[in-house]
C-alpha atoms as a PDB file:
ATOM      1  CA  MET A   1     -16.860  60.326 110.867  1.00  0.00           C
ATOM      2  CA  VAL A   2     -13.815  60.323 113.147  1.00  0.00           C
ATOM      3  CA  CYS A   3     -10.705  58.167 113.365  1.00  0.00           C
ATOM      4  CA  ILE A   4      -8.775  57.187 116.404  1.00  0.00           C
ATOM      5  CA  ARG A   5      -5.444  56.139 115.708  1.00  0.00           C
ATOM      6  CA  LYS A   6      -1.922  56.202 117.272  1.00  0.00           C
ATOM      7  CA  ALA A   7      -0.445  59.601 117.741  1.00  0.00           C
ATOM      8  CA  THR A   8       2.832  60.426 115.707  1.00  0.00           C
ATOM      9  CA  VAL A   9       5.528  62.940 115.936  1.00  0.00           C
ATOM     10  CA  ASP A  10       3.965  64.517 113.467  1.00  0.00           C
ATOM     11  CA  ASP A  11       0.576  65.455 115.452  1.00  0.00           C
ATOM     12  CA  LEU A  12       2.437  66.898 118.164  1.00  0.00           C
ATOM     13  CA  LEU A  13       1.566  70.474 117.130  1.00  0.00           C
ATOM     14  CA  ALA A  14      -1.695  70.087 116.639  1.00  0.00           C
ATOM     15  CA  MET A  15      -2.130  68.165 119.797  1.00  0.00           C
ATOM     16  CA  GLN A  16      -0.679  70.992 121.711  1.00  0.00           C
ATOM     17  CA  ALA A  17      -2.786  73.559 119.606  1.00  0.00           C
ATOM     18  CA  CYS A  18      -5.957  71.187 121.032  1.00  0.00           C
ATOM     19  CA  ASN A  19      -4.416  71.539 124.451  1.00  0.00           C
ATOM     20  CA  LEU A  20      -4.625  75.282 123.975  1.00  0.00           C
ATOM     21  CA  LEU A  21      -8.241  75.728 122.905  1.00  0.00           C
ATOM     22  CA  CYS A  22      -9.547  73.250 125.133  1.00  0.00           C
ATOM     23  CA  LEU A  23      -7.802  73.283 128.418  1.00  0.00           C
ATOM     24  CA  PRO A  24      -6.539  75.921 131.119  1.00  0.00           C
ATOM     25  CA  GLU A  25      -3.362  73.443 131.883  1.00  0.00           C
ATOM     26  CA  ASN A  26      -0.989  73.847 128.824  1.00  0.00           C
ATOM     27  CA  TYR A  27       2.078  71.977 128.233  1.00  0.00           C
ATOM     28  CA  GLN A  28       5.418  73.065 126.652  1.00  0.00           C
ATOM     29  CA  MET A  29       5.953  71.351 123.298  1.00  0.00           C
ATOM     30  CA  LYS A  30       9.031  69.207 125.267  1.00  0.00           C
ATOM     31  CA  TYR A  31       6.454  67.504 127.414  1.00  0.00           C
ATOM     32  CA  TYR A  32       4.829  66.190 124.527  1.00  0.00           C
ATOM     33  CA  PHE A  33       8.158  64.884 123.124  1.00  0.00           C
ATOM     34  CA  TYR A  34       8.689  63.542 126.418  1.00  0.00           C
ATOM     35  CA  HIS A  35       5.511  61.522 126.472  1.00  0.00           C
ATOM     36  CA  ILE A  36       5.831  60.249 122.674  1.00  0.00           C
ATOM     37  CA  LEU A  37       9.450  59.270 122.960  1.00  0.00           C
ATOM     38  CA  SER A  38       8.777  57.286 126.475  1.00  0.00           C
ATOM     39  CA  TRP A  39       5.346  55.941 125.523  1.00  0.00           C
ATOM     40  CA  PRO A  40       4.693  55.973 122.066  1.00  0.00           C
ATOM     41  CA  GLN A  41       2.148  53.185 122.512  1.00  0.00           C
ATOM     42  CA  LEU A  42      -0.173  55.349 124.721  1.00  0.00           C
ATOM     43  CA  LEU A  43      -0.818  58.790 122.689  1.00  0.00           C
ATOM     44  CA  TYR A  44      -4.041  58.787 120.499  1.00  0.00           C
ATOM     45  CA  VAL A  45      -5.097  61.468 118.312  1.00  0.00           C
ATOM     46  CA  ALA A  46      -9.193  61.748 117.007  1.00  0.00           C
ATOM     47  CA  GLU A  47      -8.503  62.810 113.268  1.00  0.00           C
ATOM     48  CA  ASP A  48     -11.458  63.909 111.470  1.00  0.00           C
ATOM     49  CA  TYR A  49     -12.227  63.056 107.732  1.00  0.00           C
ATOM     50  CA  ASN A  50     -10.318  66.306 106.731  1.00  0.00           C
ATOM     51  CA  GLY A  51      -7.236  65.173 108.558  1.00  0.00           C
ATOM     52  CA  ARG A  52      -7.627  67.662 111.276  1.00  0.00           C
ATOM     53  CA  ILE A  53      -6.929  66.425 114.633  1.00  0.00           C
ATOM     54  CA  VAL A  54      -9.948  67.378 117.019  1.00  0.00           C
ATOM     55  CA  GLY A  55      -9.013  65.473 119.973  1.00  0.00           C
ATOM     56  CA  TYR A  56      -6.251  63.606 121.711  1.00  0.00           C
ATOM     57  CA  VAL A  57      -5.455  61.476 124.997  1.00  0.00           C
ATOM     58  CA  LEU A  58      -1.970  61.651 126.221  1.00  0.00           C
ATOM     59  CA  ALA A  59      -1.396  58.858 128.754  1.00  0.00           C
ATOM     60  CA  LYS A  60       2.058  57.398 130.546  1.00  0.00           C
ATOM     61  CA  MET A  61       3.035  54.451 132.470  1.00  0.00           C
ATOM     62  CA  GLU A  62       4.050  55.237 136.571  1.00  0.00           C
ATOM     63  CA  GLU A  63       6.586  53.046 136.918  1.00  0.00           C
ATOM     64  CA  GLU A  64       8.446  54.618 140.146  1.00  0.00           C
ATOM     65  CA  SER A  65       5.517  53.593 142.686  1.00  0.00           C
ATOM     66  CA  SER A  66       5.392  49.899 144.234  1.00  0.00           C
ATOM     67  CA  GLU A  67       2.974  49.177 141.620  1.00  0.00           C
ATOM     68  CA  CYS A  68       2.971  49.774 138.273  1.00  0.00           C
ATOM     69  CA  HIS A  69       0.056  51.437 136.660  1.00  0.00           C
ATOM     70  CA  GLY A  70      -1.190  53.605 133.385  1.00  0.00           C
ATOM     71  CA  HIS A  71      -1.906  57.459 134.047  1.00  0.00           C
ATOM     72  CA  ILE A  72      -3.978  59.672 131.662  1.00  0.00           C
ATOM     73  CA  THR A  73      -2.049  63.026 131.657  1.00  0.00           C
ATOM     74  CA  SER A  74      -4.537  64.809 129.512  1.00  0.00           C
ATOM     75  CA  LEU A  75      -7.612  64.416 127.379  1.00  0.00           C
ATOM     76  CA  ALA A  76      -9.259  67.008 124.976  1.00  0.00           C
ATOM     77  CA  VAL A  77     -11.629  67.244 122.517  1.00  0.00           C
ATOM     78  CA  LEU A  78     -12.536  70.541 120.306  1.00  0.00           C
ATOM     79  CA  ARG A  79     -15.763  71.878 121.289  1.00  0.00           C
ATOM     80  CA  THR A  80     -16.898  71.639 117.856  1.00  0.00           C
ATOM     81  CA  HIS A  81     -16.434  67.600 118.166  1.00  0.00           C
ATOM     82  CA  ARG A  82     -17.873  67.260 121.647  1.00  0.00           C
ATOM     83  CA  LYS A  83     -20.882  64.944 122.816  1.00  0.00           C
ATOM     84  CA  LEU A  84     -19.740  62.508 119.712  1.00  0.00           C
ATOM     85  CA  GLY A  85     -18.545  59.919 122.140  1.00  0.00           C
ATOM     86  CA  ILE A  86     -14.870  60.907 120.952  1.00  0.00           C
ATOM     87  CA  ALA A  87     -13.305  61.271 124.572  1.00  0.00           C
ATOM     88  CA  THR A  88     -15.006  57.798 125.485  1.00  0.00           C
ATOM     89  CA  LYS A  89     -13.207  56.087 122.453  1.00  0.00           C
ATOM     90  CA  LEU A  90      -9.807  57.844 123.246  1.00  0.00           C
ATOM     91  CA  MET A  91      -9.938  56.803 126.795  1.00  0.00           C
ATOM     92  CA  ASN A  92     -11.061  53.104 125.447  1.00  0.00           C
ATOM     93  CA  ALA A  93      -7.952  53.372 123.132  1.00  0.00           C
ATOM     94  CA  ALA A  94      -5.530  54.561 125.743  1.00  0.00           C
ATOM     95  CA  GLN A  95      -6.912  51.690 128.387  1.00  0.00           C
ATOM     96  CA  ILE A  96      -6.541  48.984 126.025  1.00  0.00           C
ATOM     97  CA  ALA A  97      -3.105  50.066 125.208  1.00  0.00           C
ATOM     98  CA  MET A  98      -2.266  50.142 128.856  1.00  0.00           C
ATOM     99  CA  GLU A  99      -3.511  46.714 129.396  1.00  0.00           C
ATOM    100  CA  GLN A 100      -1.902  45.327 126.569  1.00  0.00           C
ATOM    101  CA  ALA A 101       1.494  46.721 127.831  1.00  0.00           C
ATOM    102  CA  ASN A 102       0.511  44.887 131.217  1.00  0.00           C
ATOM    103  CA  PHE A 103       0.278  48.198 133.207  1.00  0.00           C
ATOM    104  CA  PRO A 104      -3.446  48.275 134.272  1.00  0.00           C
ATOM    105  CA  PRO A 105      -4.983  51.930 134.049  1.00  0.00           C
ATOM    106  CA  SER A 106      -5.609  54.025 137.001  1.00  0.00           C
ATOM    107  CA  LEU A 107      -8.869  56.198 136.840  1.00  0.00           C
ATOM    108  CA  SER A 108      -8.699  57.138 140.542  1.00  0.00           C
ATOM    109  CA  PHE A 109      -9.079  60.930 139.942  1.00  0.00           C
ATOM    110  CA  LEU A 110      -9.988  63.602 137.202  1.00  0.00           C
ATOM    111  CA  LYS A 111      -8.946  67.142 137.268  1.00  0.00           C
ATOM    112  CA  SER A 112     -11.942  69.157 135.933  1.00  0.00           C
ATOM    113  CA  SER A 113     -14.701  71.220 137.024  1.00  0.00           C
ATOM    114  CA  ASP A 114     -16.737  70.148 134.360  1.00  0.00           C
ATOM    115  CA  ARG A 115     -19.158  67.480 135.438  1.00  0.00           C
ATOM    116  CA  ARG A 116     -19.469  66.521 131.815  1.00  0.00           C
ATOM    117  CA  CYS A 117     -16.134  65.050 131.953  1.00  0.00           C
ATOM    118  CA  ASP A 118     -16.500  62.509 134.549  1.00  0.00           C
ATOM    119  CA  TYR A 119     -15.800  59.303 132.930  1.00  0.00           C
ATOM    120  CA  PRO A 120     -17.930  55.932 133.902  1.00  0.00           C
ATOM    121  CA  ARG A 121     -16.071  53.873 136.162  1.00  0.00           C
END
């Protein structure tokens, strides 16, 4: 069983560890701080029953273009917890948060070579 919840500053190290294990594109801790300070309502984690972070979604709002929209920066789920619908739940949580903030989500591209990562549009 996994719980999807908003991320806190205390989750950032675990989010970074998940990123390092799952993805080739990694971020420095200051990037996570930038996101949580700028858009705290758009960061979500998947936490297992032991309190371990097993996935996350890092989203932000693009306000500089003529049309404001939400953007998914990074999404990762530990290999041990894949194929359980966790990524879909994380994406849905971020999408709902964007809509509540009146920033429509933009799912126009996905940077992945893994076809299993395709998100239904």
